[in-house]
Amino acid sequence: MPPILFERIIDHLLKIGIIDKNFGIALYNCGEPFLNSEINNILRILKNRKLRARISSNFIPRPNIDKELLPVISKLTFSLSGFSQESYGRIHGASLDKVLNNFESLYADLRRYSPGTKIKISWHRYLFNENEFWNMYKYFNKRPAIDIAPVIAYFNDLIEMMKFSKGELPRQRLEEAQKDIFLDRIRKGINYHKNYKA
């Protein structure tokens, strides 16, 4: 999104009272915010309006945030799908060492320039990475002010998720998915929400 459009949207939302100074603007939704070459301009727009940002990243791209803009980030989430190259590469297809280095670089800057930023590791649980949890935990738990939140991985494609929830996912794809994903847990969650709405 071009910064000029982002600025207009933010100003409109402020004007009609949808957001206020206590509202954290999520700069992600099934996308990678650090791929946006305008990320610093977007953070500057928020800073000028005394708003804060929430960012979630897989840290495949190296973050390039101006130091004076780091305090704009109220919360940073690192989405992590494995703690071995085999597991991490299976989902993200990138170098685990590289993403850890990218994270460490931004983490050090945040601790120096924005110590109040909350940092969370979103550990995506798959059938194939369960045995890596404690190694990951020990690695991040040594660093101050990091929360670790395990979450069940799910279909990240909305169409697939809808087909799965309706029992319409093709059999071959279902067989592939059950090798990696806790499908029984996802089904329980879907059924819970269906019953809750009823």
N, C-alpha and C. Protein backbone atom coordinates (compact mmCIF):
# COMPACT_ATOMS: atom_id res chain seq x y z
N MET A 1 0.84 -1.17 0.00
CA MET A 1 0.00 0.00 0.00
C MET A 1 0.90 1.24 0.00
N PRO A 2 0.66 2.17 -0.90
CA PRO A 2 1.45 3.40 -0.91
C PRO A 2 1.21 4.21 0.37
N PRO A 3 2.26 4.85 0.89
CA PRO A 3 2.09 5.62 2.13
C PRO A 3 0.99 6.68 2.06
N ILE A 4 0.80 7.32 0.93
CA ILE A 4 -0.22 8.36 0.82
C ILE A 4 -1.62 7.81 1.06
N LEU A 5 -1.87 6.59 0.55
CA LEU A 5 -3.16 5.94 0.77
C LEU A 5 -3.29 5.51 2.23
N PHE A 6 -2.22 4.94 2.78
CA PHE A 6 -2.22 4.54 4.18
C PHE A 6 -2.52 5.75 5.07
N GLU A 7 -1.88 6.89 4.77
CA GLU A 7 -2.09 8.11 5.56
C GLU A 7 -3.54 8.56 5.50
N ARG A 8 -4.13 8.51 4.32
CA ARG A 8 -5.55 8.92 4.18
C ARG A 8 -6.47 8.00 4.98
N ILE A 9 -6.19 6.71 4.92
CA ILE A 9 -7.02 5.75 5.66
C ILE A 9 -6.91 5.99 7.16
N ILE A 10 -5.67 6.13 7.65
CA ILE A 10 -5.46 6.37 9.08
C ILE A 10 -6.16 7.66 9.52
N ASP A 11 -6.00 8.73 8.74
CA ASP A 11 -6.64 10.00 9.11
C ASP A 11 -8.16 9.88 9.12
N HIS A 12 -8.70 9.14 8.16
CA HIS A 12 -10.15 8.94 8.13
C HIS A 12 -10.62 8.15 9.36
N LEU A 13 -9.91 7.08 9.69
CA LEU A 13 -10.28 6.27 10.85
C LEU A 13 -10.18 7.07 12.15
N LEU A 14 -9.17 7.92 12.24
CA LEU A 14 -9.07 8.80 13.41
C LEU A 14 -10.24 9.78 13.46
N LYS A 15 -10.57 10.34 12.32
CA LYS A 15 -11.64 11.35 12.24
C LYS A 15 -12.99 10.78 12.67
N ILE A 16 -13.30 9.55 12.23
CA ILE A 16 -14.61 8.97 12.56
C ILE A 16 -14.59 8.19 13.87
N GLY A 17 -13.45 8.17 14.54
CA GLY A 17 -13.38 7.57 15.87
C GLY A 17 -13.24 6.06 15.90
N ILE A 18 -12.86 5.44 14.80
CA ILE A 18 -12.66 3.98 14.80
C ILE A 18 -11.39 3.61 15.55
N ILE A 19 -10.36 4.45 15.42
CA ILE A 19 -9.12 4.22 16.15
C ILE A 19 -8.81 5.46 16.98
N ASP A 20 -7.98 5.23 18.02
CA ASP A 20 -7.51 6.36 18.83
C ASP A 20 -6.06 6.11 19.21
N LYS A 21 -5.53 6.93 20.07
CA LYS A 21 -4.11 6.85 20.42
C LYS A 21 -3.74 5.56 21.13
N ASN A 22 -4.71 4.86 21.70
CA ASN A 22 -4.44 3.59 22.39
C ASN A 22 -4.53 2.39 21.46
N PHE A 23 -4.85 2.64 20.20
CA PHE A 23 -5.08 1.56 19.25
C PHE A 23 -3.78 1.18 18.56
N GLY A 24 -3.45 -0.09 18.54
CA GLY A 24 -2.26 -0.58 17.84
C GLY A 24 -2.64 -0.99 16.43
N ILE A 25 -1.97 -0.42 15.44
CA ILE A 25 -2.27 -0.72 14.04
C ILE A 25 -1.47 -1.95 13.61
N ALA A 26 -2.16 -3.01 13.22
CA ALA A 26 -1.50 -4.24 12.77
C ALA A 26 -1.03 -4.05 11.33
N LEU A 27 0.26 -4.09 11.12
CA LEU A 27 0.82 -3.90 9.79
C LEU A 27 1.09 -5.25 9.12
N TYR A 28 0.15 -6.17 9.28
CA TYR A 28 0.29 -7.49 8.66
C TYR A 28 -1.07 -8.14 8.59
N ASN A 29 -1.23 -9.03 7.66
CA ASN A 29 -2.39 -9.92 7.56
C ASN A 29 -2.08 -10.88 6.43
N CYS A 30 -1.52 -12.02 6.77
CA CYS A 30 -1.10 -13.01 5.77
C CYS A 30 -0.11 -12.38 4.78
N GLY A 31 0.75 -11.52 5.28
CA GLY A 31 1.76 -10.89 4.45
C GLY A 31 2.99 -10.59 5.28
N GLU A 32 4.05 -10.17 4.62
CA GLU A 32 5.31 -9.90 5.29
C GLU A 32 5.61 -8.40 5.26
N PRO A 33 5.46 -7.71 6.41
CA PRO A 33 5.63 -6.26 6.42
C PRO A 33 7.03 -5.79 6.05
N PHE A 34 8.06 -6.60 6.29
CA PHE A 34 9.43 -6.16 6.00
C PHE A 34 9.75 -6.24 4.50
N LEU A 35 8.84 -6.77 3.71
CA LEU A 35 9.02 -6.73 2.25
C LEU A 35 8.56 -5.39 1.68
N ASN A 36 7.83 -4.63 2.47
CA ASN A 36 7.33 -3.33 2.01
C ASN A 36 8.46 -2.31 2.05
N SER A 37 8.86 -1.83 0.90
CA SER A 37 9.97 -0.86 0.83
C SER A 37 9.59 0.47 1.50
N GLU A 38 8.32 0.66 1.78
CA GLU A 38 7.84 1.91 2.39
C GLU A 38 7.59 1.77 3.90
N ILE A 39 8.10 0.71 4.50
CA ILE A 39 7.80 0.45 5.91
C ILE A 39 8.19 1.62 6.81
N ASN A 40 9.33 2.26 6.55
CA ASN A 40 9.74 3.40 7.38
C ASN A 40 8.79 4.58 7.22
N ASN A 41 8.34 4.83 5.99
CA ASN A 41 7.38 5.93 5.78
C ASN A 41 6.05 5.64 6.47
N ILE A 42 5.64 4.39 6.45
CA ILE A 42 4.39 4.01 7.12
C ILE A 42 4.52 4.17 8.64
N LEU A 43 5.65 3.72 9.20
CA LEU A 43 5.88 3.91 10.64
C LEU A 43 5.96 5.39 11.00
N ARG A 44 6.53 6.20 10.12
CA ARG A 44 6.63 7.64 10.37
C ARG A 44 5.25 8.29 10.41
N ILE A 45 4.36 7.84 9.54
CA ILE A 45 2.98 8.35 9.55
C ILE A 45 2.33 8.05 10.90
N LEU A 46 2.52 6.83 11.40
CA LEU A 46 1.96 6.48 12.71
C LEU A 46 2.60 7.30 13.82
N LYS A 47 3.91 7.47 13.75
CA LYS A 47 4.62 8.25 14.77
C LYS A 47 4.08 9.68 14.83
N ASN A 48 3.88 10.28 13.67
CA ASN A 48 3.40 11.66 13.61
C ASN A 48 2.00 11.82 14.20
N ARG A 49 1.26 10.72 14.27
CA ARG A 49 -0.09 10.75 14.84
C ARG A 49 -0.13 10.13 16.24
N LYS A 50 1.05 9.85 16.78
CA LYS A 50 1.18 9.24 18.10
C LYS A 50 0.44 7.90 18.19
N LEU A 51 0.49 7.15 17.10
CA LEU A 51 -0.08 5.81 17.06
C LEU A 51 1.06 4.79 17.11
N ARG A 52 0.73 3.56 17.47
CA ARG A 52 1.72 2.48 17.57
C ARG A 52 1.39 1.39 16.56
N ALA A 53 2.37 0.56 16.25
CA ALA A 53 2.22 -0.51 15.27
C ALA A 53 2.47 -1.87 15.91
N ARG A 54 1.76 -2.87 15.40
CA ARG A 54 2.04 -4.27 15.72
C ARG A 54 2.54 -4.92 14.44
N ILE A 55 3.61 -5.68 14.55
CA ILE A 55 4.22 -6.30 13.38
C ILE A 55 4.43 -7.78 13.65
N SER A 56 4.12 -8.60 12.65
CA SER A 56 4.42 -10.03 12.69
C SER A 56 5.26 -10.35 11.47
N SER A 57 6.33 -11.12 11.68
CA SER A 57 7.25 -11.42 10.59
C SER A 57 7.79 -12.83 10.70
N ASN A 58 8.18 -13.39 9.55
CA ASN A 58 8.91 -14.66 9.56
C ASN A 58 10.41 -14.40 9.51
N PHE A 59 10.82 -13.15 9.39
CA PHE A 59 12.21 -12.70 9.40
C PHE A 59 13.05 -13.28 8.27
N ILE A 60 12.41 -13.73 7.21
CA ILE A 60 13.18 -14.12 6.03
C ILE A 60 13.83 -12.87 5.41
N PRO A 61 13.08 -11.77 5.21
CA PRO A 61 13.77 -10.54 4.80
C PRO A 61 14.39 -9.86 6.02
N ARG A 62 15.52 -9.25 5.83
CA ARG A 62 16.18 -8.53 6.93
C ARG A 62 15.45 -7.21 7.17
N PRO A 63 15.00 -6.96 8.38
CA PRO A 63 14.30 -5.70 8.67
C PRO A 63 15.26 -4.51 8.55
N ASN A 64 14.79 -3.46 7.94
CA ASN A 64 15.58 -2.25 7.80
C ASN A 64 14.76 -1.08 8.33
N ILE A 65 14.68 -0.99 9.65
CA ILE A 65 13.85 0.03 10.30
C ILE A 65 14.77 1.13 10.84
N ASP A 66 14.44 2.38 10.53
CA ASP A 66 15.20 3.50 11.08
C ASP A 66 15.11 3.46 12.60
N LYS A 67 16.24 3.69 13.26
CA LYS A 67 16.31 3.56 14.73
C LYS A 67 15.30 4.44 15.45
N GLU A 68 15.07 5.67 14.93
CA GLU A 68 14.14 6.58 15.62
C GLU A 68 12.69 6.13 15.50
N LEU A 69 12.43 5.17 14.61
CA LEU A 69 11.06 4.68 14.42
C LEU A 69 10.79 3.40 15.22
N LEU A 70 11.80 2.80 15.80
CA LEU A 70 11.61 1.56 16.54
C LEU A 70 10.60 1.71 17.69
N PRO A 71 10.55 2.83 18.42
CA PRO A 71 9.55 2.96 19.49
C PRO A 71 8.10 2.97 19.00
N VAL A 72 7.89 3.13 17.71
CA VAL A 72 6.53 3.06 17.16
C VAL A 72 6.00 1.63 17.24
N ILE A 73 6.89 0.65 17.24
CA ILE A 73 6.49 -0.76 17.27
C ILE A 73 6.15 -1.15 18.71
N SER A 74 4.87 -1.38 18.96
CA SER A 74 4.45 -1.75 20.32
C SER A 74 4.60 -3.25 20.57
N LYS A 75 4.42 -4.03 19.49
CA LYS A 75 4.50 -5.49 19.63
C LYS A 75 5.09 -6.09 18.37
N LEU A 76 6.04 -7.00 18.56
CA LEU A 76 6.68 -7.70 17.45
C LEU A 76 6.49 -9.20 17.66
N THR A 77 5.96 -9.88 16.66
CA THR A 77 5.77 -11.33 16.72
C THR A 77 6.66 -11.99 15.67
N PHE A 78 7.40 -12.99 16.10
CA PHE A 78 8.26 -13.78 15.22
C PHE A 78 7.55 -15.11 15.00
N SER A 79 7.06 -15.36 13.78
CA SER A 79 6.40 -16.62 13.44
C SER A 79 7.46 -17.64 13.06
N LEU A 80 7.51 -18.73 13.83
CA LEU A 80 8.57 -19.72 13.68
C LEU A 80 7.98 -21.11 13.54
N SER A 81 8.40 -21.83 12.50
CA SER A 81 7.78 -23.12 12.20
C SER A 81 8.71 -24.31 12.41
N GLY A 82 9.85 -24.08 13.00
CA GLY A 82 10.76 -25.19 13.26
C GLY A 82 12.05 -24.66 13.85
N PHE A 83 12.81 -25.57 14.49
CA PHE A 83 14.08 -25.14 15.05
C PHE A 83 15.21 -26.05 14.59
N SER A 84 15.01 -26.65 13.43
CA SER A 84 16.08 -27.33 12.68
C SER A 84 15.90 -26.88 11.24
N GLN A 85 16.96 -26.96 10.47
CA GLN A 85 16.84 -26.55 9.07
C GLN A 85 15.83 -27.41 8.34
N GLU A 86 15.78 -28.68 8.67
CA GLU A 86 14.83 -29.58 8.00
C GLU A 86 13.39 -29.14 8.24
N SER A 87 13.04 -28.88 9.48
CA SER A 87 11.66 -28.48 9.80
C SER A 87 11.36 -27.09 9.27
N TYR A 88 12.25 -26.14 9.55
CA TYR A 88 11.99 -24.77 9.13
C TYR A 88 11.90 -24.68 7.60
N GLY A 89 12.80 -25.36 6.93
CA GLY A 89 12.79 -25.34 5.46
C GLY A 89 11.56 -26.00 4.88
N ARG A 90 10.99 -26.93 5.59
CA ARG A 90 9.79 -27.63 5.10
C ARG A 90 8.62 -26.69 4.91
N ILE A 91 8.47 -25.72 5.79
CA ILE A 91 7.35 -24.78 5.69
C ILE A 91 7.78 -23.49 5.01
N HIS A 92 8.88 -22.90 5.44
CA HIS A 92 9.27 -21.60 4.93
C HIS A 92 10.27 -21.65 3.78
N GLY A 93 10.98 -22.76 3.63
CA GLY A 93 11.92 -22.89 2.52
C GLY A 93 13.07 -21.90 2.58
N ALA A 94 13.45 -21.48 3.78
CA ALA A 94 14.54 -20.51 3.92
C ALA A 94 15.55 -21.03 4.94
N SER A 95 16.63 -20.29 5.08
CA SER A 95 17.69 -20.67 6.01
C SER A 95 17.31 -20.28 7.44
N LEU A 96 17.28 -21.24 8.34
CA LEU A 96 16.98 -20.97 9.74
C LEU A 96 18.04 -20.05 10.34
N ASP A 97 19.31 -20.30 10.03
CA ASP A 97 20.38 -19.43 10.55
C ASP A 97 20.16 -17.98 10.13
N LYS A 98 19.77 -17.79 8.89
CA LYS A 98 19.56 -16.43 8.38
C LYS A 98 18.42 -15.74 9.13
N VAL A 99 17.29 -16.43 9.30
CA VAL A 99 16.17 -15.78 9.98
C VAL A 99 16.48 -15.51 11.45
N LEU A 100 17.22 -16.40 12.09
CA LEU A 100 17.61 -16.15 13.48
C LEU A 100 18.54 -14.93 13.56
N ASN A 101 19.47 -14.81 12.63
CA ASN A 101 20.35 -13.63 12.60
C ASN A 101 19.56 -12.36 12.36
N ASN A 102 18.59 -12.41 11.44
CA ASN A 102 17.74 -11.24 11.17
C ASN A 102 16.96 -10.84 12.41
N PHE A 103 16.41 -11.84 13.10
CA PHE A 103 15.67 -11.56 14.34
C PHE A 103 16.59 -10.96 15.40
N GLU A 104 17.76 -11.58 15.60
CA GLU A 104 18.69 -11.11 16.64
C GLU A 104 19.10 -9.66 16.41
N SER A 105 19.28 -9.30 15.16
CA SER A 105 19.67 -7.92 14.83
C SER A 105 18.58 -6.93 15.25
N LEU A 106 17.32 -7.23 14.88
CA LEU A 106 16.23 -6.32 15.25
C LEU A 106 15.98 -6.37 16.76
N TYR A 107 16.09 -7.55 17.36
CA TYR A 107 15.90 -7.69 18.80
C TYR A 107 16.88 -6.78 19.56
N ALA A 108 18.15 -6.81 19.16
CA ALA A 108 19.16 -5.98 19.82
C ALA A 108 18.82 -4.50 19.67
N ASP A 109 18.40 -4.10 18.48
CA ASP A 109 18.03 -2.69 18.26
C ASP A 109 16.82 -2.30 19.10
N LEU A 110 15.83 -3.19 19.17
CA LEU A 110 14.63 -2.88 19.96
C LEU A 110 14.97 -2.77 21.44
N ARG A 111 15.80 -3.66 21.95
CA ARG A 111 16.16 -3.58 23.36
C ARG A 111 16.91 -2.28 23.67
N ARG A 112 17.66 -1.79 22.69
CA ARG A 112 18.43 -0.57 22.89
C ARG A 112 17.57 0.69 22.71
N TYR A 113 16.77 0.73 21.65
CA TYR A 113 16.06 1.96 21.29
C TYR A 113 14.57 1.95 21.68
N SER A 114 14.04 0.78 21.98
CA SER A 114 12.62 0.69 22.34
C SER A 114 12.40 -0.46 23.32
N PRO A 115 12.95 -0.36 24.53
CA PRO A 115 12.86 -1.47 25.49
C PRO A 115 11.44 -1.85 25.88
N GLY A 116 10.47 -0.98 25.64
CA GLY A 116 9.08 -1.29 25.98
C GLY A 116 8.35 -2.13 24.95
N THR A 117 8.95 -2.34 23.79
CA THR A 117 8.31 -3.16 22.76
C THR A 117 8.16 -4.59 23.25
N LYS A 118 6.95 -5.13 23.15
CA LYS A 118 6.69 -6.52 23.54
C LYS A 118 7.10 -7.42 22.39
N ILE A 119 7.77 -8.51 22.72
CA ILE A 119 8.26 -9.44 21.69
C ILE A 119 7.73 -10.83 22.00
N LYS A 120 7.18 -11.45 20.97
CA LYS A 120 6.58 -12.78 21.14
C LYS A 120 7.09 -13.71 20.05
N ILE A 121 7.41 -14.93 20.45
CA ILE A 121 7.72 -15.99 19.48
C ILE A 121 6.44 -16.81 19.33
N SER A 122 5.89 -16.80 18.13
CA SER A 122 4.71 -17.61 17.84
C SER A 122 5.20 -18.93 17.25
N TRP A 123 5.27 -19.94 18.11
CA TRP A 123 5.80 -21.26 17.73
C TRP A 123 4.68 -22.06 17.07
N HIS A 124 4.78 -22.26 15.77
CA HIS A 124 3.75 -22.99 15.03
C HIS A 124 3.99 -24.49 15.19
N ARG A 125 3.05 -25.12 15.87
CA ARG A 125 3.17 -26.55 16.17
C ARG A 125 2.71 -27.39 14.98
N TYR A 126 3.62 -28.22 14.51
CA TYR A 126 3.33 -29.22 13.47
C TYR A 126 3.68 -30.59 14.04
N LEU A 127 3.18 -31.63 13.41
CA LEU A 127 3.51 -32.98 13.86
C LEU A 127 5.01 -33.23 13.79
N PHE A 128 5.68 -32.62 12.82
CA PHE A 128 7.10 -32.90 12.59
C PHE A 128 8.05 -32.03 13.42
N ASN A 129 7.54 -31.02 14.14
CA ASN A 129 8.48 -30.19 14.91
C ASN A 129 8.26 -30.24 16.42
N GLU A 130 7.40 -31.11 16.89
CA GLU A 130 7.10 -31.19 18.32
C GLU A 130 8.36 -31.45 19.15
N ASN A 131 9.28 -32.25 18.62
CA ASN A 131 10.49 -32.58 19.38
C ASN A 131 11.50 -31.43 19.41
N GLU A 132 11.22 -30.33 18.72
CA GLU A 132 12.15 -29.20 18.68
C GLU A 132 11.74 -28.06 19.62
N PHE A 133 10.58 -28.21 20.24
CA PHE A 133 10.06 -27.12 21.07
C PHE A 133 11.05 -26.69 22.16
N TRP A 134 11.59 -27.65 22.92
CA TRP A 134 12.41 -27.28 24.08
C TRP A 134 13.74 -26.66 23.66
N ASN A 135 14.29 -27.08 22.52
CA ASN A 135 15.51 -26.42 22.03
C ASN A 135 15.21 -24.97 21.68
N MET A 136 14.08 -24.74 21.01
CA MET A 136 13.67 -23.38 20.69
C MET A 136 13.44 -22.59 21.96
N TYR A 137 12.76 -23.18 22.94
CA TYR A 137 12.45 -22.51 24.20
C TYR A 137 13.73 -22.07 24.91
N LYS A 138 14.70 -22.98 25.00
CA LYS A 138 15.97 -22.65 25.67
C LYS A 138 16.69 -21.53 24.96
N TYR A 139 16.65 -21.53 23.64
CA TYR A 139 17.32 -20.50 22.86
C TYR A 139 16.74 -19.12 23.15
N PHE A 140 15.43 -18.98 23.11
CA PHE A 140 14.80 -17.66 23.28
C PHE A 140 14.61 -17.29 24.75
N ASN A 141 14.47 -18.26 25.62
CA ASN A 141 14.21 -17.97 27.02
C ASN A 141 15.40 -17.31 27.71
N LYS A 142 16.60 -17.43 27.13
CA LYS A 142 17.79 -16.78 27.70
C LYS A 142 17.74 -15.27 27.52
N ARG A 143 16.92 -14.80 26.58
CA ARG A 143 16.84 -13.37 26.29
C ARG A 143 15.70 -12.75 27.12
N PRO A 144 15.98 -11.58 27.69
CA PRO A 144 14.92 -10.96 28.49
C PRO A 144 13.76 -10.44 27.63
N ALA A 145 12.60 -10.45 28.24
CA ALA A 145 11.39 -9.83 27.65
C ALA A 145 10.95 -10.47 26.35
N ILE A 146 10.98 -11.79 26.30
CA ILE A 146 10.43 -12.51 25.14
C ILE A 146 9.38 -13.49 25.66
N ASP A 147 8.17 -13.41 25.11
CA ASP A 147 7.13 -14.39 25.43
C ASP A 147 7.12 -15.45 24.34
N ILE A 148 6.85 -16.68 24.74
CA ILE A 148 6.79 -17.79 23.79
C ILE A 148 5.38 -18.35 23.82
N ALA A 149 4.76 -18.38 22.64
CA ALA A 149 3.36 -18.80 22.54
C ALA A 149 3.22 -19.90 21.48
N PRO A 150 3.11 -21.16 21.92
CA PRO A 150 2.86 -22.23 20.94
C PRO A 150 1.43 -22.14 20.40
N VAL A 151 1.29 -22.29 19.10
CA VAL A 151 -0.02 -22.29 18.45
C VAL A 151 -0.09 -23.44 17.47
N ILE A 152 -1.27 -24.02 17.34
CA ILE A 152 -1.46 -25.11 16.38
C ILE A 152 -1.45 -24.53 14.98
N ALA A 153 -0.59 -25.08 14.12
CA ALA A 153 -0.57 -24.65 12.72
C ALA A 153 -1.88 -25.07 12.05
N TYR A 154 -2.29 -24.29 11.08
CA TYR A 154 -3.54 -24.55 10.37
C TYR A 154 -3.33 -24.28 8.89
N PHE A 155 -4.38 -24.46 8.11
CA PHE A 155 -4.30 -24.14 6.68
C PHE A 155 -4.19 -22.63 6.54
N ASN A 156 -3.09 -22.15 6.01
CA ASN A 156 -2.89 -20.71 5.88
C ASN A 156 -3.56 -20.15 4.63
N ASP A 157 -4.11 -21.00 3.83
CA ASP A 157 -4.86 -20.59 2.64
C ASP A 157 -6.35 -20.59 3.01
N LEU A 158 -7.00 -19.44 2.88
CA LEU A 158 -8.40 -19.29 3.31
C LEU A 158 -9.33 -20.26 2.59
N ILE A 159 -9.12 -20.44 1.29
CA ILE A 159 -9.98 -21.35 0.52
C ILE A 159 -9.84 -22.78 1.04
N GLU A 160 -8.58 -23.21 1.27
CA GLU A 160 -8.37 -24.56 1.81
C GLU A 160 -9.00 -24.70 3.19
N MET A 161 -8.84 -23.69 4.02
CA MET A 161 -9.41 -23.76 5.36
C MET A 161 -10.93 -23.86 5.31
N MET A 162 -11.55 -23.11 4.42
CA MET A 162 -13.01 -23.17 4.29
C MET A 162 -13.45 -24.54 3.79
N LYS A 163 -12.73 -25.07 2.80
CA LYS A 163 -13.07 -26.41 2.29
C LYS A 163 -12.90 -27.46 3.38
N PHE A 164 -11.81 -27.35 4.17
CA PHE A 164 -11.59 -28.30 5.25
C PHE A 164 -12.72 -28.23 6.27
N SER A 165 -13.12 -27.01 6.64
CA SER A 165 -14.16 -26.84 7.66
C SER A 165 -15.51 -27.38 7.20
N LYS A 166 -15.72 -27.41 5.89
CA LYS A 166 -16.98 -27.94 5.33
C LYS A 166 -16.87 -29.41 4.94
N GLY A 167 -15.69 -30.01 5.15
CA GLY A 167 -15.48 -31.40 4.76
C GLY A 167 -15.37 -31.59 3.25
N GLU A 168 -14.94 -30.54 2.55
CA GLU A 168 -14.88 -30.57 1.08
C GLU A 168 -13.46 -30.56 0.54
N LEU A 169 -12.46 -30.70 1.41
CA LEU A 169 -11.08 -30.70 0.94
C LEU A 169 -10.82 -31.99 0.17
N PRO A 170 -10.21 -31.91 -1.03
CA PRO A 170 -9.94 -33.13 -1.80
C PRO A 170 -9.14 -34.14 -0.97
N ARG A 171 -9.45 -35.41 -1.19
CA ARG A 171 -8.86 -36.47 -0.38
C ARG A 171 -7.33 -36.45 -0.41
N GLN A 172 -6.75 -36.24 -1.58
CA GLN A 172 -5.29 -36.23 -1.67
C GLN A 172 -4.68 -35.12 -0.83
N ARG A 173 -5.27 -33.93 -0.86
CA ARG A 173 -4.76 -32.82 -0.06
C ARG A 173 -4.95 -33.08 1.43
N LEU A 174 -6.06 -33.72 1.78
CA LEU A 174 -6.32 -34.08 3.17
C LEU A 174 -5.26 -35.06 3.68
N GLU A 175 -4.93 -36.04 2.85
CA GLU A 175 -3.91 -37.03 3.23
C GLU A 175 -2.55 -36.38 3.39
N GLU A 176 -2.23 -35.42 2.52
CA GLU A 176 -0.95 -34.69 2.65
C GLU A 176 -0.93 -33.88 3.94
N ALA A 177 -2.03 -33.19 4.22
CA ALA A 177 -2.10 -32.30 5.38
C ALA A 177 -2.00 -33.07 6.69
N GLN A 178 -2.60 -34.25 6.75
CA GLN A 178 -2.59 -34.99 8.02
C GLN A 178 -1.21 -35.53 8.37
N LYS A 179 -0.25 -35.44 7.46
CA LYS A 179 1.13 -35.80 7.77
C LYS A 179 1.83 -34.68 8.54
N ASP A 180 1.31 -33.47 8.43
CA ASP A 180 1.97 -32.31 9.02
C ASP A 180 1.16 -31.62 10.11
N ILE A 181 -0.14 -31.53 9.93
CA ILE A 181 -0.98 -30.67 10.76
C ILE A 181 -1.82 -31.49 11.74
N PHE A 182 -2.05 -30.93 12.93
CA PHE A 182 -2.93 -31.55 13.93
C PHE A 182 -4.37 -31.33 13.51
N LEU A 183 -4.83 -32.10 12.54
CA LEU A 183 -6.18 -31.89 12.00
C LEU A 183 -7.27 -32.10 13.04
N ASP A 184 -7.05 -33.04 13.97
CA ASP A 184 -8.06 -33.28 15.00
C ASP A 184 -8.27 -32.04 15.88
N ARG A 185 -7.18 -31.31 16.18
CA ARG A 185 -7.31 -30.10 16.99
C ARG A 185 -8.05 -28.99 16.23
N ILE A 186 -7.78 -28.91 14.92
CA ILE A 186 -8.47 -27.90 14.11
C ILE A 186 -9.96 -28.24 14.04
N ARG A 187 -10.28 -29.51 13.86
CA ARG A 187 -11.69 -29.93 13.82
C ARG A 187 -12.40 -29.57 15.14
N LYS A 188 -11.72 -29.82 16.26
CA LYS A 188 -12.31 -29.50 17.56
C LYS A 188 -12.59 -28.00 17.66
N GLY A 189 -11.65 -27.20 17.19
CA GLY A 189 -11.84 -25.74 17.21
C GLY A 189 -13.00 -25.30 16.34
N ILE A 190 -13.11 -25.90 15.16
CA ILE A 190 -14.23 -25.58 14.26
C ILE A 190 -15.55 -25.96 14.89
N ASN A 191 -15.61 -27.17 15.46
CA ASN A 191 -16.85 -27.63 16.09
C ASN A 191 -17.21 -26.77 17.30
N TYR A 192 -16.20 -26.34 18.05
CA TYR A 192 -16.46 -25.47 19.20
C TYR A 192 -17.12 -24.18 18.74
N HIS A 193 -16.56 -23.58 17.69
CA HIS A 193 -17.12 -22.32 17.20
C HIS A 193 -18.51 -22.50 16.60
N LYS A 194 -18.74 -23.61 15.94
CA LYS A 194 -20.08 -23.88 15.39
C LYS A 194 -21.10 -24.01 16.53
N ASN A 195 -20.73 -24.75 17.58
CA ASN A 195 -21.64 -24.93 18.71
C ASN A 195 -21.82 -23.65 19.51
N TYR A 196 -20.74 -22.85 19.59
CA TYR A 196 -20.82 -21.59 20.34
C TYR A 196 -21.79 -20.62 19.68
N LYS A 197 -21.80 -20.61 18.33
CA LYS A 197 -22.70 -19.70 17.61
C LYS A 197 -24.15 -20.15 17.71
N ALA A 198 -24.35 -21.46 17.88
CA ALA A 198 -25.72 -22.00 17.87
C ALA A 198 -26.53 -21.65 19.09
